[in-house]
Protein backbone atom coordinates (compact mmCIF):
# COMPACT_ATOMS: atom_id res chain seq x y z
CA UNK A 1 92.80 126.15 129.06
CA UNK A 2 94.09 123.58 126.50
CA UNK A 3 94.07 126.28 123.83
CA UNK A 4 96.34 128.45 126.00
CA UNK A 5 98.80 125.74 126.96
CA UNK A 6 98.85 124.50 123.23
CA UNK A 7 99.45 128.47 122.33
CA UNK A 8 102.24 128.39 124.97
CA UNK A 9 103.87 125.34 123.59
CA UNK A 10 103.58 126.53 120.14
CA UNK A 11 105.14 129.86 120.81
CA UNK A 12 107.84 128.61 122.94
CA UNK A 13 108.78 125.26 121.35
CA UNK A 14 107.10 124.58 118.06
CA UNK A 15 107.57 127.80 116.31
CA UNK A 16 111.23 128.36 117.07
CA UNK A 17 111.66 124.50 116.10
CA UNK A 18 110.22 125.29 112.70
CA UNK A 19 112.34 128.21 112.20
CA UNK A 20 115.18 126.10 112.88
CA UNK A 21 114.09 123.56 110.57
CA UNK A 22 112.85 126.06 107.96
CA UNK A 23 114.49 129.12 108.32
CA UNK A 24 113.65 131.12 105.21
CA UNK A 25 109.80 130.25 105.54
CA UNK A 26 110.03 130.84 109.71
CA UNK A 27 111.66 134.09 109.52
CA UNK A 28 109.25 135.18 106.84
CA UNK A 29 106.48 134.40 109.00
CA UNK A 30 108.42 135.61 112.22
CA UNK A 31 108.46 139.14 110.58
CA UNK A 32 105.82 139.66 108.05
CA UNK A 33 102.98 137.67 110.03
CA UNK A 34 104.42 138.93 113.36
CA UNK A 35 104.64 135.41 114.70
CA UNK A 36 107.81 136.18 116.69
CA UNK A 37 107.17 137.21 120.50
CA UNK A 38 109.23 139.44 122.49
CA UNK A 39 108.49 137.48 125.51
CA UNK A 40 109.68 134.30 123.85
CA UNK A 41 113.11 135.76 123.27
CA UNK A 42 113.20 137.42 126.34
CA UNK A 43 112.62 133.74 128.00
CA UNK A 44 115.18 132.28 125.71
CA UNK A 45 118.03 134.59 126.89
CA UNK A 46 116.68 134.04 130.54
CA UNK A 47 116.92 130.42 130.23
CA UNK A 48 120.69 130.72 128.64
CA UNK A 49 121.67 132.78 131.45
CA UNK A 50 120.09 130.05 133.97
CA UNK A 51 121.92 127.40 131.88
CA UNK A 52 125.29 128.93 132.20
CA UNK A 53 124.60 129.08 136.19
CA UNK A 54 123.61 125.34 136.09
CA UNK A 55 126.51 124.17 134.05
CA UNK A 56 128.79 125.89 135.99
CA UNK A 57 127.45 123.84 139.20
CA UNK A 58 126.23 120.65 137.94
CA UNK A 59 128.28 119.66 134.68
CA UNK A 60 130.36 116.21 135.11
CA UNK A 61 133.16 116.78 137.20
CA UNK A 62 135.25 115.10 134.74
CA UNK A 63 135.08 117.86 132.36
CA UNK A 64 134.21 120.80 134.60
CA UNK A 65 137.05 122.54 135.53
CA UNK A 66 135.22 125.39 137.13
CA UNK A 67 134.84 125.70 141.05
CA UNK A 68 131.26 125.46 142.04
CA UNK A 69 131.99 127.21 145.37
CA UNK A 70 133.08 130.33 143.28
CA UNK A 71 129.89 130.83 141.14
CA UNK A 72 128.56 134.18 141.26
CA UNK A 73 124.96 134.22 139.76
CA UNK A 74 124.99 137.90 139.22
CA UNK A 75 128.27 137.95 137.24
CA UNK A 76 126.78 135.00 135.12
CA UNK A 77 123.82 136.82 134.36
CA UNK A 78 125.44 140.04 133.75
CA UNK A 79 127.81 138.49 131.37
CA UNK A 80 124.96 137.06 129.17
CA UNK A 81 123.15 140.47 129.25
CA UNK A 82 126.20 142.43 128.16
CA UNK A 83 127.24 140.10 125.28
CA UNK A 84 123.61 140.00 124.12
CA UNK A 85 123.13 143.75 124.77
CA UNK A 86 126.39 144.52 122.77
CA UNK A 87 125.65 142.30 119.92
CA UNK A 88 122.34 143.68 119.48
CA UNK A 89 123.34 147.38 119.92
CA UNK A 90 125.97 146.71 117.45
CA UNK A 91 124.08 144.98 114.87
CA UNK A 92 121.61 147.68 114.89
CA UNK A 93 124.13 150.43 114.59
CA UNK A 94 125.99 148.61 111.79
CA UNK A 95 122.85 147.68 109.74
CA UNK A 96 121.56 151.18 110.30
CA UNK A 97 124.54 152.43 108.05
CA UNK A 98 124.12 149.38 105.72
CA UNK A 99 120.47 149.85 104.98
CA UNK A 100 119.49 146.98 107.06
CA UNK A 101 115.27 146.48 107.07
CA UNK A 102 115.46 145.11 110.56
CA UNK A 103 114.51 147.00 113.87
CA UNK A 104 116.25 147.11 117.17
CA UNK A 105 113.27 144.96 118.60
CA UNK A 106 113.41 142.44 115.75
CA UNK A 107 117.33 141.95 116.27
CA UNK A 108 116.74 141.29 119.88
CA UNK A 109 113.99 139.06 119.17
CA UNK A 110 116.30 136.96 116.62
CA UNK A 111 118.88 136.79 118.98
CA UNK A 112 116.77 135.37 121.54
CA UNK A 113 115.05 132.85 119.42
CA UNK A 114 118.58 131.60 118.13
CA UNK A 115 119.28 130.33 121.54
CA UNK A 116 116.84 128.06 121.32
CA UNK A 117 118.90 124.82 120.29
CA UNK A 118 121.40 125.85 123.12
CA UNK A 119 118.43 125.93 125.76
CA UNK A 120 116.68 122.56 124.55
CA UNK A 121 119.87 120.65 124.31
CA UNK A 122 121.92 122.11 127.20
CA UNK A 123 119.68 121.56 130.24
CA UNK A 124 119.25 117.60 129.70
CA UNK A 125 122.88 117.36 128.43
CA UNK A 126 124.13 118.71 131.75
CA UNK A 127 122.39 116.31 133.87
CA UNK A 128 123.12 113.40 131.36
CA UNK A 129 126.61 114.20 131.58
CA UNK A 130 126.84 113.17 135.15
CA UNK A 131 125.82 109.81 134.26
CA UNK A 132 128.40 109.22 131.32
CA UNK A 133 131.94 107.59 131.54
CA UNK A 134 135.06 109.36 130.56
CA UNK A 135 134.96 107.34 127.08
CA UNK A 136 131.32 108.56 126.66
CA UNK A 137 131.63 112.23 127.47
CA UNK A 138 132.77 112.90 123.98
CA UNK A 139 129.03 112.41 122.95
CA UNK A 140 128.21 115.14 125.47
CA UNK A 141 130.69 117.57 123.99
CA UNK A 142 129.40 116.74 120.70
CA UNK A 143 126.05 117.44 121.50
CA UNK A 144 126.76 120.92 123.02
CA UNK A 145 128.92 121.90 120.06
CA UNK A 146 126.13 120.95 117.49
CA UNK A 147 123.79 122.97 119.67
CA UNK A 148 125.96 126.13 119.20
CA UNK A 149 126.52 125.58 115.54
CA UNK A 150 122.79 125.33 115.30
CA UNK A 151 122.29 128.61 117.19
CA UNK A 152 124.95 130.00 115.05
CA UNK A 153 122.90 129.08 111.94
CA UNK A 154 119.46 130.40 113.40
CA UNK A 155 121.22 133.67 114.26
CA UNK A 156 123.03 133.95 110.94
CA UNK A 157 119.67 133.17 108.89
CA UNK A 158 117.78 135.51 111.10
CA UNK A 159 119.96 138.62 110.28
CA UNK A 160 120.18 137.60 106.89
CA UNK A 161 116.14 137.62 106.72
CA UNK A 162 114.87 140.33 108.76
CA UNK A 163 117.45 143.03 107.02
CA UNK A 164 116.83 141.42 103.56
CA UNK A 165 120.63 140.89 102.93
CA UNK A 166 122.59 138.58 100.65
CA UNK A 167 125.17 136.07 101.84
CA UNK A 168 128.12 138.06 101.45
CA UNK A 169 126.39 141.22 102.68
CA UNK A 170 125.54 139.31 105.92
CA UNK A 171 128.83 138.13 106.47
CA UNK A 172 130.03 141.71 106.31
CA UNK A 173 127.35 142.69 108.78
CA UNK A 174 128.34 140.04 111.15
CA UNK A 175 132.16 141.04 110.76
CA UNK A 176 131.27 144.60 111.17
CA UNK A 177 129.11 143.94 114.21
CA UNK A 178 132.19 141.98 115.96
CA UNK A 179 134.12 145.24 115.26
CA UNK A 180 131.36 147.42 116.68
CA UNK A 181 131.32 145.18 119.57
CA UNK A 182 134.90 145.55 120.45
CA UNK A 183 134.79 149.28 120.05
CA UNK A 184 132.08 149.36 122.75
CA UNK A 185 133.57 147.34 125.07
CA UNK A 186 136.92 149.51 124.59
CA UNK A 187 135.00 152.72 125.21
CA UNK A 188 133.13 151.05 127.89
CA UNK A 189 136.50 150.25 129.74
CA UNK A 190 137.88 153.54 129.11
CA UNK A 191 135.02 155.25 130.70
CA UNK A 192 134.86 153.06 133.78
CA UNK A 193 138.47 153.56 134.12
CA UNK A 194 137.94 157.64 133.95
CA UNK A 195 135.25 157.09 136.53
CA UNK A 196 137.46 155.22 138.75
CA UNK A 197 140.08 157.70 138.59
CA UNK A 198 137.76 160.48 138.99
CA UNK A 199 136.52 158.72 142.27
CA UNK A 200 140.08 158.33 143.65
CA UNK A 201 140.76 161.75 143.00
CA UNK A 202 137.69 163.04 144.95
CA UNK A 203 138.46 160.69 147.72
CA UNK A 204 141.86 162.03 147.81
CA UNK A 205 140.82 165.47 148.06
CA UNK A 206 138.39 164.57 150.93
CA UNK A 207 141.07 162.83 152.76
CA UNK A 208 143.74 165.63 152.31
CA UNK A 209 140.90 168.15 153.51
CA UNK A 210 140.27 165.68 156.44
CA UNK A 211 144.05 165.64 157.36
CA UNK A 212 144.31 169.47 157.13
CA UNK A 213 141.35 170.03 159.44
CA UNK A 214 142.81 167.57 161.94
CA UNK A 215 146.31 169.20 161.68
CA UNK A 216 144.74 172.71 162.38
CA UNK A 217 143.03 171.41 165.56
């Protein structure tokens, strides 16, 4: 039992923390020694979605401009899944053309692991924010900002290592990934708009047929 708990703690906390502190060695073990776990990445993504919900509802009222009564859990979860899905798909598409060595699963895992700083800092910070005064709230803002910076660092180093890129190629990869995400969002919006117009067209035909039948009788 102790070994299982120790292994669980190592996979979920110790190894992501090791990657954060030693990104080159950590991601080398992540890929070559298969120390990265898909369940850990998915857990981090789920915790990040949960953190968004918790922040929306429980962040200190002196800085929380959102109305907790308007919280939509499904919307928060969907937005996280959508953004991460677009990034992973966009990065995989771009790196396939740029001779990247990383697989789709590895990109997803790196993205999940990169959320570790936000998750670790975010949950306690949200609840501590309710104990802070207006003058002290800047420390909360700083902590959250640093967690996002560390997440960006882990993600950047992860993409660099799993694709075996250099610095400038990794930067170009990120820029092209953002472009790919925008293109996919545009195509998605266009597709849903066409679907909506098609449904409206079918509905109008059905309504017209109904009116003609009623007029006939």
